[in-house]
Amino acid sequence: MSGAIVVRARRVVLPDGERAAAVHVRDGVIEAVTGFDEAGDRPVTLAADEVLLPGLVDSHVHVNEPGRTEWEGFASATRAAAAGGVTTIVDMPLNSVPPTVNAKALQVKRQAAQGQLSVDVAFWGGAVPGNASQLQRLLAAGAVGVKCFLLDSGVPEFPPLDDAGLRAALTALAEVDGLLIAHCEDDDVIAAAPDPGGPRYADFLASRPGAAEETAIGRLIAAARDTGARVHVVHLADAGALPMLRAARAEGVRITVETCPHYLTFSAEEVPDGATSFKCCPPIREAVHREALWAALADGDIDLVVSDHSPCTPELKRLDVGDFASAWGGIAGLQVTLPVVWTGARARGLSLGDVVRWMSAAPAALTGLTGKGGIAVGKDADLVAFAPDERSTVGELHHRNPVTPYTGRELTGVVRRAWLHGEELVDGNAPRGRLLSRGRA
């Protein structure tokens, strides 16, 4: 536990706007936020070109440990997070073995993470066929919510929910106001689409049309309306779903939605054939979708931006043959989410305050991690010194495996320093991240 420290900057992004301020920290918690000149004798003063941000909260990370630790692991994932200004991650319940579908499996996951964490980590549970009776116990054991798939997840140990299973899960969760987050693509729509085989990105895109997202989101909305449960759409790529989401919210359905940096950065038109590092599901769509997602973020129709960091070993990406059908679908990008999103936001006249809202405050609120998400009295002293004008090129990253479509891309904004619970994160120091549960750690 840290003692006392004061960090001040001429630009600090606070919940009520940006201004010069001094952030006073005691025992890892923000004790006061005062004027810049009220910092005491020996404050840590950021450079003139740096902005103080709250640590980011990435609520969509596939760590894959235990079981598929060769894809990623707690040590490598949290080092990458720390380097990117992400001070809290929430681990997904699948791709690890066992999947986090009951309280015992959650304990296995927590034990695997112990002693390896450079940042704080919370956990999603999983909703699969037949485990509706386990979901309330998962939440009581500390899961921040539960995730389901509405089509094949890609791994056999995490099967999808049909409509009856979805409603059973939501009925159980509604009794305790639990949250269900859903991968929304529809199997029947995809089954009727063209075959994805081969190296042409256009063929892969056609195999997972926007209608698959829209149909599944419609199913989720209907089930949420009927059960009164809270639901959340993960990784929205299809802007065609936005009108139904707006309408559902207007009628009182409790639904939120996220998108991801890759959908905000890339477009289908620029993905080279055979470039399977770009494969993810749902797929990166055309530029018209990208721009509509940005507009929806600016308007508040999309609530948050998270990485959906989903790496694998290089051979599973099938870069050797460039076949989109056989390549693993997932994009690695945890370490670069902040500069990636800031680069796009800045180009569209959006602010660092917007980025903080999407990438810190909103994911903290979604997951019920009340100590995170902003620079305010009583919050954890998770802070980031960010140079918003400095440019860099994506090179070597801390991810266990190096395959990412961001390699070689020039970005604006560099994370220079970060603090977790008031202690500076320095690469090579002993890991001191904590295991979090819903609510305060």
Protein backbone atom coordinates (compact mmCIF):
# COMPACT_ATOMS: atom_id res chain seq x y z
CA MET A 1 0.00 0.00 0.00
CA SER A 2 1.41 3.38 -0.98
CA GLY A 3 1.73 6.32 1.40
CA ALA A 4 0.98 9.88 0.31
CA ILE A 5 1.66 11.38 -3.10
CA VAL A 6 0.42 14.39 -5.07
CA VAL A 7 0.31 14.30 -8.87
CA ARG A 8 -0.47 17.54 -10.65
CA ALA A 9 -0.79 18.68 -14.26
CA ARG A 10 -1.85 21.74 -16.21
CA ARG A 11 -4.40 19.50 -17.92
CA VAL A 12 -6.32 16.93 -15.85
CA VAL A 13 -9.39 15.15 -17.24
CA LEU A 14 -11.93 15.18 -14.40
CA PRO A 15 -15.55 14.01 -14.37
CA ASP A 16 -16.77 17.59 -14.73
CA GLY A 17 -14.28 18.69 -17.40
CA GLU A 18 -10.62 19.40 -18.01
CA ARG A 19 -8.55 21.85 -15.95
CA ALA A 20 -5.29 22.31 -14.08
CA ALA A 21 -5.38 20.37 -10.83
CA ALA A 22 -3.46 18.50 -8.17
CA VAL A 23 -4.55 14.99 -7.23
CA HIS A 24 -3.81 14.07 -3.62
CA VAL A 25 -3.42 10.36 -2.89
CA ARG A 26 -3.19 8.54 0.41
CA ASP A 27 -2.99 4.77 0.83
CA GLY A 28 -3.83 4.19 -2.81
CA VAL A 29 -7.04 6.24 -2.86
CA ILE A 30 -7.71 9.77 -4.10
CA GLU A 31 -8.08 11.93 -0.99
CA ALA A 32 -8.61 15.34 -2.61
CA VAL A 33 -8.52 17.15 -5.94
CA THR A 34 -7.35 20.73 -5.53
CA GLY A 35 -6.02 23.61 -7.58
CA PHE A 36 -2.68 23.18 -9.33
CA ASP A 37 -0.90 25.45 -6.84
CA GLU A 38 -2.29 23.66 -3.78
CA ALA A 39 0.00 20.67 -4.14
CA GLY A 40 2.26 20.91 -1.12
CA ASP A 41 6.05 20.79 -1.13
CA ARG A 42 7.07 17.93 -3.42
CA PRO A 43 4.41 17.08 -5.95
CA VAL A 44 4.97 14.93 -9.02
CA THR A 45 4.43 17.48 -11.79
CA LEU A 46 3.64 16.27 -15.29
CA ALA A 47 5.50 17.73 -18.26
CA ALA A 48 3.92 20.63 -20.09
CA ASP A 49 2.86 18.38 -22.99
CA GLU A 50 1.25 15.71 -20.77
CA VAL A 51 -2.37 15.27 -19.68
CA LEU A 52 -3.37 13.38 -16.53
CA LEU A 53 -6.10 10.81 -17.22
CA PRO A 54 -7.77 8.21 -15.04
CA GLY A 55 -6.55 4.69 -15.70
CA LEU A 56 -8.53 2.98 -18.43
CA VAL A 57 -10.87 0.07 -17.72
CA ASP A 58 -10.93 -2.55 -20.47
CA SER A 59 -13.94 -4.77 -19.82
CA HIS A 60 -13.36 -7.10 -22.79
CA VAL A 61 -10.07 -9.01 -22.60
CA HIS A 62 -9.44 -12.69 -23.37
CA VAL A 63 -6.52 -13.69 -21.14
CA ASN A 64 -6.95 -17.44 -21.92
CA GLU A 65 -5.17 -18.69 -18.79
CA PRO A 66 -5.37 -21.46 -17.65
CA GLY A 67 -5.73 -23.92 -20.49
CA ARG A 68 -4.60 -21.83 -23.46
CA THR A 69 -1.85 -19.81 -21.82
CA GLU A 70 0.28 -20.18 -24.96
CA TRP A 71 -2.20 -17.75 -26.58
CA GLU A 72 -1.89 -15.15 -23.79
CA GLY A 73 -1.62 -15.18 -20.00
CA PHE A 74 -2.13 -12.99 -16.97
CA ALA A 75 1.51 -11.92 -16.77
CA SER A 76 1.85 -10.85 -20.41
CA ALA A 77 -1.67 -9.43 -20.75
CA THR A 78 -1.40 -7.24 -17.67
CA ARG A 79 2.09 -6.00 -18.62
CA ALA A 80 0.67 -4.95 -21.98
CA ALA A 81 -2.26 -3.28 -20.25
CA ALA A 82 0.01 -1.33 -17.91
CA ALA A 83 2.15 -0.11 -20.80
CA GLY A 84 -0.99 1.13 -22.53
CA GLY A 85 -2.50 3.02 -19.60
CA VAL A 86 -5.10 0.32 -18.91
CA THR A 87 -5.06 -0.15 -15.14
CA THR A 88 -8.02 -2.54 -14.88
CA ILE A 89 -9.04 -5.38 -17.17
CA VAL A 90 -12.03 -7.71 -17.01
CA ASP A 91 -11.26 -11.22 -18.20
CA MET A 92 -13.66 -13.09 -20.48
CA PRO A 93 -14.97 -16.50 -19.40
CA LEU A 94 -14.03 -18.44 -22.51
CA ASN A 95 -10.88 -19.65 -24.28
CA SER A 96 -9.52 -20.62 -20.88
CA VAL A 97 -9.99 -24.21 -19.74
CA PRO A 98 -12.13 -24.63 -17.74
CA PRO A 99 -14.43 -21.85 -18.91
CA THR A 100 -15.74 -19.65 -16.09
CA VAL A 101 -19.26 -21.10 -16.00
CA ASN A 102 -19.58 -21.83 -12.26
CA ALA A 103 -18.15 -20.59 -8.98
CA LYS A 104 -15.56 -23.38 -8.82
CA ALA A 105 -14.19 -22.46 -12.25
CA LEU A 106 -14.02 -18.80 -11.18
CA GLN A 107 -11.88 -19.85 -8.23
CA VAL A 108 -9.57 -21.80 -10.58
CA LYS A 109 -9.19 -18.64 -12.68
CA ARG A 110 -8.47 -16.45 -9.67
CA GLN A 111 -5.85 -18.91 -8.40
CA ALA A 112 -4.16 -18.96 -11.82
CA ALA A 113 -3.95 -15.15 -11.80
CA GLN A 114 -2.59 -14.82 -8.26
CA GLY A 115 0.80 -13.12 -8.07
CA GLN A 116 1.05 -12.39 -11.80
CA LEU A 117 -0.88 -9.15 -12.16
CA SER A 118 0.64 -5.83 -13.19
CA VAL A 119 -2.84 -4.22 -13.12
CA ASP A 120 -6.14 -5.00 -11.39
CA VAL A 121 -8.26 -7.80 -12.83
CA ALA A 122 -11.96 -8.65 -12.52
CA PHE A 123 -13.81 -11.53 -14.16
CA TRP A 124 -16.90 -12.25 -16.24
CA GLY A 125 -18.78 -15.48 -15.70
CA GLY A 126 -20.34 -17.44 -18.54
CA ALA A 127 -23.89 -18.47 -19.43
CA VAL A 128 -24.05 -21.74 -21.38
CA PRO A 129 -26.84 -24.30 -21.90
CA GLY A 130 -27.95 -25.80 -18.61
CA ASN A 131 -26.17 -23.50 -16.16
CA ALA A 132 -28.89 -20.92 -15.46
CA SER A 133 -29.10 -22.23 -11.90
CA GLN A 134 -25.38 -21.42 -11.43
CA LEU A 135 -25.51 -17.78 -12.49
CA GLN A 136 -26.58 -16.18 -9.23
CA ARG A 137 -23.84 -18.12 -7.43
CA LEU A 138 -21.29 -16.90 -9.98
CA LEU A 139 -22.27 -13.31 -9.24
CA ALA A 140 -22.16 -13.94 -5.49
CA ALA A 141 -18.65 -15.36 -5.95
CA GLY A 142 -17.53 -12.05 -7.49
CA ALA A 143 -18.16 -12.20 -11.24
CA VAL A 144 -19.16 -8.77 -12.57
CA GLY A 145 -21.76 -10.31 -14.88
CA VAL A 146 -22.09 -13.20 -17.33
CA LYS A 147 -21.40 -13.57 -21.02
CA CYS A 148 -23.17 -15.69 -23.59
CA PHE A 149 -22.87 -16.42 -27.28
CA LEU A 150 -25.89 -16.52 -29.57
CA LEU A 151 -23.95 -18.65 -32.10
CA ASP A 152 -21.00 -21.04 -32.05
CA SER A 153 -18.26 -19.48 -29.91
CA GLY A 154 -15.40 -21.19 -31.73
CA VAL A 155 -14.47 -23.38 -28.74
CA PRO A 156 -16.47 -26.51 -27.89
CA GLU A 157 -16.44 -26.03 -24.12
CA PHE A 158 -18.46 -22.79 -24.38
CA PRO A 159 -21.61 -23.59 -26.43
CA PRO A 160 -24.19 -20.96 -27.41
CA LEU A 161 -27.62 -20.26 -25.94
CA ASP A 162 -30.77 -20.78 -27.97
CA ASP A 163 -33.73 -18.50 -27.30
CA ALA A 164 -35.05 -20.70 -24.48
CA GLY A 165 -31.63 -20.80 -22.84
CA LEU A 166 -31.23 -17.05 -23.24
CA ARG A 167 -34.54 -16.41 -21.51
CA ALA A 168 -33.73 -18.86 -18.71
CA ALA A 169 -30.43 -17.08 -18.07
CA LEU A 170 -32.05 -13.64 -18.15
CA THR A 171 -34.85 -14.72 -15.81
CA ALA A 172 -32.28 -15.92 -13.25
CA LEU A 173 -30.19 -12.76 -13.61
CA ALA A 174 -33.17 -10.42 -13.37
CA GLU A 175 -33.91 -11.73 -9.86
CA VAL A 176 -30.63 -10.21 -8.62
CA ASP A 177 -30.29 -7.40 -11.20
CA GLY A 178 -27.36 -9.20 -12.78
CA LEU A 179 -25.97 -8.24 -16.19
CA LEU A 180 -25.78 -10.45 -19.28
CA ILE A 181 -23.43 -9.48 -22.09
CA ALA A 182 -23.93 -11.15 -25.46
CA HIS A 183 -22.01 -11.92 -28.63
CA CYS A 184 -24.75 -11.12 -31.14
CA GLU A 185 -24.52 -12.94 -34.46
CA ASP A 186 -27.18 -15.32 -35.73
CA ASP A 187 -26.29 -18.86 -36.83
CA ASP A 188 -29.17 -19.18 -39.29
CA VAL A 189 -28.28 -15.98 -41.12
CA ILE A 190 -24.63 -17.04 -41.35
CA ALA A 191 -25.59 -20.56 -42.49
CA ALA A 192 -27.46 -19.00 -45.43
CA ALA A 193 -24.55 -16.69 -46.35
CA PRO A 194 -21.80 -17.51 -48.87
CA ASP A 195 -18.89 -19.77 -47.89
CA PRO A 196 -15.96 -17.86 -46.31
CA GLY A 197 -13.14 -20.02 -47.69
CA GLY A 198 -10.01 -18.60 -49.30
CA PRO A 199 -7.84 -15.49 -49.06
CA ARG A 200 -10.30 -12.83 -50.32
CA TYR A 201 -11.41 -10.57 -47.50
CA ALA A 202 -14.56 -9.71 -49.44
CA ASP A 203 -15.60 -13.37 -49.30
CA PHE A 204 -15.07 -13.54 -45.55
CA LEU A 205 -17.06 -10.33 -45.05
CA ALA A 206 -19.93 -11.67 -47.15
CA SER A 207 -19.98 -14.82 -45.02
CA ARG A 208 -20.88 -12.81 -41.88
CA PRO A 209 -23.30 -10.12 -43.06
CA GLY A 210 -24.64 -7.27 -40.97
CA ALA A 211 -28.02 -9.00 -40.92
CA ALA A 212 -26.50 -11.65 -38.64
CA GLU A 213 -25.77 -8.99 -36.01
CA GLU A 214 -29.14 -7.30 -36.45
CA THR A 215 -31.11 -10.54 -36.14
CA ALA A 216 -29.29 -11.61 -32.98
CA ILE A 217 -29.58 -8.16 -31.42
CA GLY A 218 -33.31 -8.29 -32.14
CA ARG A 219 -33.50 -11.61 -30.28
CA LEU A 220 -31.62 -10.12 -27.33
CA ILE A 221 -33.85 -7.05 -27.20
CA ALA A 222 -37.00 -9.19 -27.24
CA ALA A 223 -35.72 -11.39 -24.41
CA ALA A 224 -34.62 -8.39 -22.34
CA ARG A 225 -37.99 -6.70 -22.87
CA ASP A 226 -39.86 -9.81 -21.71
CA THR A 227 -37.69 -10.53 -18.66
CA GLY A 228 -36.76 -7.00 -17.55
CA ALA A 229 -33.10 -8.03 -17.31
CA ARG A 230 -30.07 -5.84 -18.00
CA VAL A 231 -28.24 -6.75 -21.22
CA HIS A 232 -25.23 -5.48 -23.12
CA VAL A 233 -24.16 -5.97 -26.75
CA VAL A 234 -20.45 -6.65 -27.12
CA HIS A 235 -18.27 -5.55 -30.06
CA LEU A 236 -20.84 -3.92 -32.35
CA ALA A 237 -19.52 -3.72 -35.93
CA ASP A 238 -22.75 -3.23 -37.89
CA ALA A 239 -24.12 0.30 -37.85
CA GLY A 240 -27.38 -1.03 -39.27
CA ALA A 241 -28.28 -2.22 -35.78
CA LEU A 242 -28.18 1.28 -34.28
CA PRO A 243 -31.81 2.27 -35.02
CA MET A 244 -33.20 -0.80 -33.24
CA LEU A 245 -30.91 -0.19 -30.28
CA ARG A 246 -32.05 3.44 -30.05
CA ALA A 247 -35.69 2.38 -30.25
CA ALA A 248 -35.26 -0.28 -27.58
CA ARG A 249 -33.69 2.17 -25.18
CA ALA A 250 -36.42 4.72 -25.88
CA GLU A 251 -39.06 2.20 -24.81
CA GLY A 252 -37.19 1.36 -21.61
CA VAL A 253 -35.29 -1.82 -22.48
CA ARG A 254 -32.16 -1.86 -20.31
CA ILE A 255 -29.56 -2.37 -23.02
CA THR A 256 -26.09 -0.91 -23.50
CA VAL A 257 -23.58 -1.41 -26.30
CA GLU A 258 -19.86 -1.30 -26.95
CA THR A 259 -17.65 -1.15 -29.99
CA CYS A 260 -13.92 -1.75 -30.45
CA PRO A 261 -10.86 0.13 -31.72
CA HIS A 262 -10.49 -2.09 -34.80
CA TYR A 263 -14.00 -1.26 -35.99
CA LEU A 264 -13.24 2.44 -35.46
CA THR A 265 -9.88 2.31 -37.23
CA PHE A 266 -9.91 -0.10 -40.15
CA SER A 267 -12.35 -0.57 -43.01
CA ALA A 268 -13.08 -3.58 -45.18
CA GLU A 269 -11.92 -1.67 -48.24
CA GLU A 270 -8.35 -1.48 -46.90
CA VAL A 271 -7.92 -5.06 -45.59
CA PRO A 272 -5.53 -6.85 -47.97
CA ASP A 273 -6.49 -10.29 -49.24
CA GLY A 274 -4.78 -12.98 -47.17
CA ALA A 275 -4.19 -10.60 -44.24
CA THR A 276 -5.70 -12.88 -41.61
CA SER A 277 -4.34 -10.73 -38.75
CA PHE A 278 -7.47 -8.62 -39.46
CA LYS A 279 -9.89 -11.51 -38.95
CA CYS A 280 -12.39 -11.06 -36.14
CA CYS A 281 -16.05 -11.88 -35.60
CA PRO A 282 -18.14 -9.93 -36.30
CA PRO A 283 -15.87 -8.70 -39.09
CA ILE A 284 -14.40 -5.30 -39.80
CA ARG A 285 -17.00 -3.74 -42.11
CA GLU A 286 -16.95 -1.01 -44.74
CA ALA A 287 -15.93 2.58 -44.02
CA VAL A 288 -19.56 3.71 -43.94
CA HIS A 289 -20.05 1.53 -40.84
CA ARG A 290 -16.88 2.86 -39.23
CA GLU A 291 -17.99 6.46 -39.60
CA ALA A 292 -21.50 5.68 -38.34
CA LEU A 293 -20.00 4.02 -35.25
CA TRP A 294 -17.98 7.17 -34.54
CA ALA A 295 -21.12 9.29 -34.92
CA ALA A 296 -23.02 6.98 -32.55
CA LEU A 297 -20.27 7.31 -29.95
CA ALA A 298 -20.39 11.09 -30.22
CA ASP A 299 -24.20 11.02 -29.88
CA GLY A 300 -24.21 8.62 -26.91
CA ASP A 301 -25.86 5.75 -28.79
CA ILE A 302 -22.77 3.59 -28.16
CA ASP A 303 -21.67 3.60 -24.53
CA LEU A 304 -18.10 2.36 -24.43
CA VAL A 305 -15.00 1.30 -26.36
CA VAL A 306 -13.04 -1.80 -25.31
CA SER A 307 -10.33 -3.83 -26.96
CA ASP A 308 -11.85 -7.32 -27.36
CA HIS A 309 -8.20 -8.40 -27.11
CA SER A 310 -8.38 -11.97 -28.41
CA PRO A 311 -4.93 -13.25 -29.39
CA CYS A 312 -3.77 -16.71 -30.37
CA THR A 313 -0.52 -18.35 -31.44
CA PRO A 314 0.79 -17.17 -34.84
CA GLU A 315 0.19 -20.52 -36.52
CA LEU A 316 -3.53 -20.36 -35.67
CA LYS A 317 -3.78 -17.13 -37.66
CA ARG A 318 -2.79 -19.11 -40.79
CA LEU A 319 -0.69 -16.29 -42.17
CA ASP A 320 1.17 -18.93 -44.17
CA VAL A 321 -1.84 -19.60 -46.41
CA GLY A 322 -3.93 -16.49 -45.72
CA ASP A 323 -7.14 -18.48 -45.48
CA PHE A 324 -9.84 -16.55 -43.64
CA ALA A 325 -12.01 -19.63 -43.10
CA SER A 326 -9.39 -21.58 -41.15
CA ALA A 327 -7.71 -18.66 -39.30
CA TRP A 328 -8.59 -17.93 -35.67
CA GLY A 329 -10.88 -14.92 -35.40
CA GLY A 330 -9.56 -12.40 -32.92
CA ILE A 331 -7.50 -9.21 -32.85
CA ALA A 332 -4.69 -8.45 -30.40
CA GLY A 333 -4.57 -4.79 -29.44
CA LEU A 334 -4.81 -4.32 -25.67
CA GLN A 335 -1.62 -2.27 -25.36
CA VAL A 336 -2.48 0.25 -28.09
CA THR A 337 -6.18 0.92 -27.47
CA LEU A 338 -5.70 4.41 -26.03
CA PRO A 339 -3.55 5.88 -28.83
CA VAL A 340 -5.61 4.06 -31.47
CA VAL A 341 -8.89 5.53 -30.23
CA TRP A 342 -7.38 8.95 -29.54
CA THR A 343 -5.92 9.09 -33.06
CA GLY A 344 -9.37 8.54 -34.54
CA ALA A 345 -11.20 10.74 -32.05
CA ARG A 346 -8.85 13.66 -32.52
CA ALA A 347 -9.18 13.47 -36.30
CA ARG A 348 -12.95 13.82 -35.88
CA GLY A 349 -12.85 16.77 -33.48
CA LEU A 350 -13.62 14.73 -30.36
CA SER A 351 -11.92 15.30 -27.02
CA LEU A 352 -9.86 13.42 -24.47
CA GLY A 353 -12.84 13.81 -22.16
CA ASP A 354 -14.88 11.80 -24.66
CA VAL A 355 -12.21 9.09 -24.77
CA VAL A 356 -12.09 8.90 -20.97
CA ARG A 357 -15.87 8.58 -20.82
CA TRP A 358 -15.90 5.71 -23.33
CA MET A 359 -12.82 3.88 -22.05
CA SER A 360 -12.77 4.48 -18.29
CA ALA A 361 -16.01 5.81 -16.78
CA ALA A 362 -18.46 3.78 -18.87
CA PRO A 363 -16.77 0.36 -18.57
CA ALA A 364 -16.32 0.90 -14.82
CA ALA A 365 -20.03 1.67 -14.53
CA LEU A 366 -21.00 -1.31 -16.70
CA THR A 367 -19.04 -3.73 -14.53
CA GLY A 368 -19.96 -2.23 -11.18
CA LEU A 369 -16.33 -1.53 -10.31
CA THR A 370 -17.15 1.51 -8.22
CA GLY A 371 -13.55 2.34 -7.28
CA LYS A 372 -12.58 2.83 -10.92
CA GLY A 373 -13.41 5.10 -13.80
CA GLY A 374 -12.44 8.63 -12.85
CA ILE A 375 -10.24 11.07 -10.99
CA ALA A 376 -12.47 11.81 -8.01
CA VAL A 377 -12.34 11.66 -4.23
CA GLY A 378 -12.74 8.10 -2.98
CA LYS A 379 -11.72 6.45 -6.25
CA ASP A 380 -8.61 4.30 -6.61
CA ALA A 381 -5.59 6.39 -7.54
CA ASP A 382 -5.16 4.81 -10.97
CA LEU A 383 -3.62 7.54 -13.12
CA VAL A 384 -2.02 7.92 -16.54
CA ALA A 385 0.36 10.56 -17.90
CA PHE A 386 -0.54 10.81 -21.59
CA ALA A 387 1.24 12.90 -24.23
CA PRO A 388 -1.59 13.53 -26.72
CA ASP A 389 0.52 15.21 -29.41
CA GLU A 390 3.46 12.79 -29.54
CA ARG A 391 3.50 10.41 -32.49
CA SER A 392 4.73 6.82 -32.52
CA THR A 393 4.76 3.75 -34.71
CA VAL A 394 3.45 0.43 -33.41
CA GLY A 395 6.33 -1.99 -33.01
CA GLU A 396 7.10 -4.64 -30.43
CA LEU A 397 4.36 -5.12 -27.83
CA HIS A 398 4.13 -6.96 -24.51
CA HIS A 399 1.45 -9.35 -25.80
CA ARG A 400 2.60 -12.98 -25.65
CA ASN A 401 2.18 -13.31 -29.42
CA PRO A 402 3.16 -10.53 -31.83
CA VAL A 403 0.49 -10.84 -34.54
CA THR A 404 -1.64 -7.69 -34.76
CA PRO A 405 -3.00 -5.61 -37.64
CA TYR A 406 -1.70 -2.48 -35.90
CA THR A 407 1.97 -3.35 -36.58
CA GLY A 408 3.67 -0.45 -38.36
CA ARG A 409 0.73 1.91 -37.96
CA GLU A 410 1.51 5.50 -36.98
CA LEU A 411 -0.52 6.72 -34.01
CA THR A 412 -0.90 9.96 -32.10
CA GLY A 413 -0.60 9.89 -28.31
CA VAL A 414 1.89 8.11 -26.05
CA VAL A 415 1.47 6.75 -22.53
CA ARG A 416 4.54 7.93 -20.60
CA ARG A 417 3.74 6.91 -17.02
CA ALA A 418 1.00 5.18 -15.09
CA TRP A 419 0.13 4.72 -11.43
CA LEU A 420 -1.87 1.88 -9.87
CA HIS A 421 -3.24 2.64 -6.40
CA GLY A 422 -0.88 5.61 -6.27
CA GLU A 423 2.28 3.63 -7.03
CA GLU A 424 4.02 4.13 -10.34
CA LEU A 425 4.01 1.13 -12.65
CA VAL A 426 7.57 0.46 -13.75
CA ASP A 427 8.29 -2.41 -16.12
CA GLY A 428 10.31 -5.04 -14.29
CA ASN A 429 8.92 -4.28 -10.84
CA ALA A 430 7.11 -6.99 -8.91
CA PRO A 431 3.48 -7.30 -10.01
CA ARG A 432 1.04 -5.76 -7.55
CA GLY A 433 -2.32 -5.83 -9.30
CA ARG A 434 -5.32 -7.02 -7.32
CA LEU A 435 -8.13 -9.47 -7.95
CA LEU A 436 -11.41 -7.56 -8.01
CA SER A 437 -15.01 -8.56 -7.43
CA ARG A 438 -18.21 -6.78 -8.37
CA GLY A 439 -18.25 -3.56 -6.37
CA ARG A 440 -15.11 -2.54 -4.49
CA ALA A 441 -12.08 -4.84 -4.31
